[in-house]
């Protein structure tokens, strides 16, 4: 992984039940973390107790979904049977 402590952070976030998705992304940020929590207090607790203790995490930006119009679960794609 790219920077010191990155693998540890990724492993810790992936182990949390409230983490619905963790994407390594391009652009101005390194990762996009999707949480499903009870309320805003739970977001604040997650940031304070799970995210901020990692010195490898130097910046966060929090965006909230105010309303969800559609959400689709991922679909597993079977590997091709022709060997490619």
N, C-alpha and C. Protein backbone atom coordinates (compact mmCIF):
# COMPACT_ATOMS: atom_id res chain seq x y z
N UNK A 1 0.85 -1.18 0.00
CA UNK A 1 0.00 0.00 0.00
C UNK A 1 0.89 1.24 0.00
N UNK A 2 0.31 2.36 -0.30
CA UNK A 2 1.04 3.58 -0.58
C UNK A 2 1.77 4.27 0.56
N UNK A 3 1.17 4.46 1.69
CA UNK A 3 1.81 5.22 2.75
C UNK A 3 1.85 4.41 4.04
N UNK A 4 2.71 4.84 4.95
CA UNK A 4 2.90 4.11 6.20
C UNK A 4 1.61 4.08 7.01
N UNK A 5 1.19 2.90 7.39
CA UNK A 5 -0.01 2.71 8.18
C UNK A 5 -1.28 2.53 7.37
N UNK A 6 -1.18 2.65 6.05
CA UNK A 6 -2.37 2.55 5.21
C UNK A 6 -3.05 1.18 5.32
N UNK A 7 -2.28 0.11 5.25
CA UNK A 7 -2.85 -1.23 5.33
C UNK A 7 -3.56 -1.46 6.66
N UNK A 8 -3.00 -0.95 7.73
CA UNK A 8 -3.60 -1.09 9.06
C UNK A 8 -4.95 -0.36 9.12
N UNK A 9 -5.00 0.83 8.54
CA UNK A 9 -6.24 1.60 8.52
C UNK A 9 -7.30 0.87 7.70
N UNK A 10 -6.93 0.41 6.52
CA UNK A 10 -7.87 -0.30 5.65
C UNK A 10 -8.42 -1.54 6.37
N UNK A 11 -7.54 -2.31 6.97
CA UNK A 11 -7.98 -3.52 7.70
C UNK A 11 -8.93 -3.17 8.83
N UNK A 12 -8.62 -2.13 9.59
CA UNK A 12 -9.46 -1.74 10.73
C UNK A 12 -10.83 -1.27 10.26
N UNK A 13 -10.87 -0.48 9.20
CA UNK A 13 -12.16 0.01 8.71
C UNK A 13 -12.99 -1.14 8.14
N UNK A 14 -12.36 -2.04 7.40
CA UNK A 14 -13.09 -3.17 6.80
C UNK A 14 -13.65 -4.11 7.85
N UNK A 15 -13.05 -4.15 9.02
CA UNK A 15 -13.51 -5.05 10.09
C UNK A 15 -14.72 -4.50 10.84
N UNK A 16 -15.07 -3.25 10.62
CA UNK A 16 -16.17 -2.63 11.35
C UNK A 16 -17.52 -2.93 10.71
N UNK A 17 -18.51 -3.34 11.52
CA UNK A 17 -19.81 -3.71 10.94
C UNK A 17 -20.57 -2.52 10.34
N UNK A 18 -20.31 -1.31 10.81
CA UNK A 18 -21.03 -0.14 10.29
C UNK A 18 -20.47 0.35 8.95
N UNK A 19 -19.34 -0.20 8.53
CA UNK A 19 -18.75 0.18 7.24
C UNK A 19 -19.40 -0.64 6.15
N UNK A 20 -20.15 0.03 5.28
CA UNK A 20 -20.84 -0.63 4.18
C UNK A 20 -19.94 -0.77 2.97
N UNK A 21 -19.03 0.18 2.78
CA UNK A 21 -18.12 0.14 1.63
C UNK A 21 -16.89 0.98 1.94
N UNK A 22 -15.78 0.56 1.40
CA UNK A 22 -14.53 1.32 1.47
C UNK A 22 -13.89 1.24 0.09
N UNK A 23 -13.81 2.40 -0.57
CA UNK A 23 -13.29 2.45 -1.93
C UNK A 23 -11.98 3.24 -1.95
N UNK A 24 -10.96 2.71 -2.61
CA UNK A 24 -9.74 3.45 -2.89
C UNK A 24 -10.03 4.23 -4.16
N UNK A 25 -9.95 5.56 -4.10
CA UNK A 25 -10.44 6.39 -5.21
C UNK A 25 -9.35 7.29 -5.77
N UNK A 26 -9.61 7.83 -6.93
CA UNK A 26 -8.72 8.81 -7.55
C UNK A 26 -9.18 10.21 -7.14
N UNK A 27 -8.36 11.19 -7.46
CA UNK A 27 -8.74 12.57 -7.18
C UNK A 27 -8.12 13.09 -5.90
N UNK A 28 -8.76 14.06 -5.31
CA UNK A 28 -8.22 14.76 -4.15
C UNK A 28 -8.23 13.98 -2.85
N UNK A 29 -8.95 12.89 -2.80
CA UNK A 29 -9.02 12.06 -1.61
C UNK A 29 -8.47 10.68 -1.92
N UNK A 30 -8.07 9.95 -0.89
CA UNK A 30 -7.53 8.60 -1.09
C UNK A 30 -8.61 7.53 -1.00
N UNK A 31 -9.55 7.72 -0.07
CA UNK A 31 -10.57 6.70 0.17
C UNK A 31 -11.94 7.33 0.33
N UNK A 32 -12.95 6.55 -0.04
CA UNK A 32 -14.34 6.91 0.19
C UNK A 32 -14.91 5.82 1.09
N UNK A 33 -15.35 6.21 2.27
CA UNK A 33 -15.86 5.29 3.28
C UNK A 33 -17.36 5.52 3.41
N UNK A 34 -18.16 4.47 3.25
CA UNK A 34 -19.61 4.57 3.38
C UNK A 34 -20.02 3.87 4.66
N UNK A 35 -20.69 4.64 5.54
CA UNK A 35 -21.14 4.11 6.83
C UNK A 35 -22.65 3.99 6.85
N UNK A 36 -23.14 3.07 7.64
CA UNK A 36 -24.56 3.01 7.96
C UNK A 36 -24.63 3.00 9.48
N UNK A 37 -25.06 4.13 10.04
CA UNK A 37 -25.13 4.28 11.49
C UNK A 37 -26.48 4.85 11.90
N UNK A 38 -26.75 4.81 13.19
CA UNK A 38 -28.04 5.19 13.74
C UNK A 38 -28.37 6.68 13.57
N UNK A 39 -27.40 7.54 13.86
CA UNK A 39 -27.66 8.98 13.86
C UNK A 39 -26.35 9.76 13.78
N UNK A 40 -26.45 11.07 13.84
CA UNK A 40 -25.27 11.93 13.74
C UNK A 40 -24.30 11.71 14.91
N UNK A 41 -24.81 11.41 16.08
CA UNK A 41 -23.94 11.14 17.21
C UNK A 41 -23.07 9.91 16.93
N UNK A 42 -23.64 8.92 16.26
CA UNK A 42 -22.88 7.72 15.92
C UNK A 42 -21.78 8.03 14.91
N UNK A 43 -22.04 8.96 14.00
CA UNK A 43 -21.00 9.39 13.07
C UNK A 43 -19.86 10.06 13.83
N UNK A 44 -20.23 10.96 14.72
CA UNK A 44 -19.23 11.66 15.53
C UNK A 44 -18.41 10.66 16.36
N UNK A 45 -19.06 9.69 16.95
CA UNK A 45 -18.36 8.67 17.73
C UNK A 45 -17.42 7.85 16.86
N UNK A 46 -17.88 7.48 15.66
CA UNK A 46 -17.05 6.70 14.75
C UNK A 46 -15.79 7.48 14.39
N UNK A 47 -15.96 8.75 14.05
CA UNK A 47 -14.80 9.57 13.71
C UNK A 47 -13.83 9.68 14.88
N UNK A 48 -14.36 9.95 16.06
CA UNK A 48 -13.51 10.15 17.24
C UNK A 48 -12.84 8.87 17.71
N UNK A 49 -13.55 7.75 17.67
CA UNK A 49 -13.04 6.52 18.25
C UNK A 49 -12.34 5.60 17.26
N UNK A 50 -12.74 5.66 15.99
CA UNK A 50 -12.20 4.72 14.99
C UNK A 50 -11.26 5.40 14.01
N UNK A 51 -11.63 6.54 13.49
CA UNK A 51 -10.85 7.18 12.43
C UNK A 51 -9.69 8.01 12.97
N UNK A 52 -9.98 8.95 13.85
CA UNK A 52 -8.96 9.91 14.29
C UNK A 52 -7.79 9.33 15.06
N UNK A 53 -7.93 8.20 15.76
CA UNK A 53 -6.75 7.64 16.44
C UNK A 53 -5.63 7.20 15.49
N UNK A 54 -5.92 6.99 14.22
CA UNK A 54 -4.89 6.59 13.26
C UNK A 54 -4.11 7.82 12.80
N UNK A 55 -2.81 7.85 13.08
CA UNK A 55 -1.99 8.97 12.62
C UNK A 55 -1.86 8.98 11.10
N UNK A 56 -2.10 7.85 10.45
CA UNK A 56 -2.04 7.79 9.00
C UNK A 56 -3.20 8.55 8.35
N UNK A 57 -4.27 8.79 9.10
CA UNK A 57 -5.40 9.56 8.59
C UNK A 57 -5.13 11.03 8.92
N UNK A 58 -4.84 11.80 7.89
CA UNK A 58 -4.46 13.20 8.12
C UNK A 58 -5.57 14.19 7.79
N UNK A 59 -6.62 13.73 7.12
CA UNK A 59 -7.70 14.64 6.72
C UNK A 59 -8.97 13.82 6.50
N UNK A 60 -10.09 14.39 6.91
CA UNK A 60 -11.38 13.76 6.61
C UNK A 60 -12.32 14.82 6.07
N UNK A 61 -13.27 14.39 5.29
CA UNK A 61 -14.36 15.24 4.82
C UNK A 61 -15.62 14.40 4.93
N UNK A 62 -16.63 14.93 5.59
CA UNK A 62 -17.85 14.18 5.84
C UNK A 62 -18.99 14.74 5.01
N UNK A 63 -19.66 13.85 4.28
CA UNK A 63 -20.81 14.21 3.45
C UNK A 63 -21.96 13.30 3.87
N UNK A 64 -23.14 13.87 4.06
CA UNK A 64 -24.29 13.10 4.50
C UNK A 64 -25.33 12.99 3.38
N UNK A 65 -25.92 11.81 3.25
CA UNK A 65 -27.06 11.64 2.35
C UNK A 65 -28.30 12.09 3.09
N UNK A 66 -28.97 13.09 2.56
CA UNK A 66 -30.18 13.59 3.19
C UNK A 66 -31.39 12.74 2.84
N UNK A 67 -31.36 12.18 1.64
CA UNK A 67 -32.44 11.32 1.19
C UNK A 67 -31.87 10.37 0.15
N UNK A 68 -32.28 9.12 0.19
CA UNK A 68 -31.82 8.14 -0.79
C UNK A 68 -32.99 7.81 -1.72
N UNK A 69 -32.79 8.05 -3.00
CA UNK A 69 -33.84 7.77 -3.98
C UNK A 69 -33.72 6.35 -4.52
N UNK A 70 -32.50 5.83 -4.55
CA UNK A 70 -32.29 4.46 -5.00
C UNK A 70 -30.98 3.97 -4.41
N UNK A 71 -31.00 2.72 -3.98
CA UNK A 71 -29.79 2.08 -3.48
C UNK A 71 -29.87 0.62 -3.91
N UNK A 72 -28.85 0.15 -4.58
CA UNK A 72 -28.84 -1.20 -5.10
C UNK A 72 -27.69 -1.98 -4.49
N UNK A 73 -27.97 -3.18 -4.06
CA UNK A 73 -26.91 -4.04 -3.53
C UNK A 73 -26.02 -4.50 -4.67
N UNK A 74 -24.75 -4.74 -4.39
CA UNK A 74 -23.86 -5.21 -5.46
C UNK A 74 -24.30 -6.56 -6.01
N UNK A 75 -24.02 -6.76 -7.27
CA UNK A 75 -24.36 -8.00 -7.95
C UNK A 75 -23.05 -8.74 -8.25
N UNK A 76 -22.95 -9.97 -7.82
CA UNK A 76 -21.76 -10.76 -8.11
C UNK A 76 -21.75 -11.19 -9.57
N UNK A 77 -20.62 -11.02 -10.20
CA UNK A 77 -20.46 -11.41 -11.59
C UNK A 77 -19.59 -12.66 -11.63
N UNK A 78 -20.13 -13.74 -12.21
CA UNK A 78 -19.39 -14.99 -12.28
C UNK A 78 -18.23 -14.86 -13.25
N UNK A 79 -17.12 -15.52 -12.96
CA UNK A 79 -16.01 -15.49 -13.91
C UNK A 79 -16.40 -16.15 -15.23
N UNK A 80 -15.76 -15.71 -16.29
CA UNK A 80 -16.05 -16.27 -17.61
C UNK A 80 -15.59 -17.72 -17.66
N UNK A 81 -16.38 -18.54 -18.28
CA UNK A 81 -16.05 -19.98 -18.33
C UNK A 81 -15.11 -20.34 -19.47
N UNK A 82 -14.79 -19.36 -20.36
CA UNK A 82 -13.93 -19.67 -21.49
C UNK A 82 -12.45 -19.46 -21.18
N UNK A 83 -12.12 -19.23 -19.89
CA UNK A 83 -10.73 -19.12 -19.48
C UNK A 83 -10.14 -17.72 -19.58
N UNK A 84 -10.90 -16.76 -20.07
CA UNK A 84 -10.39 -15.39 -20.19
C UNK A 84 -10.79 -14.56 -19.01
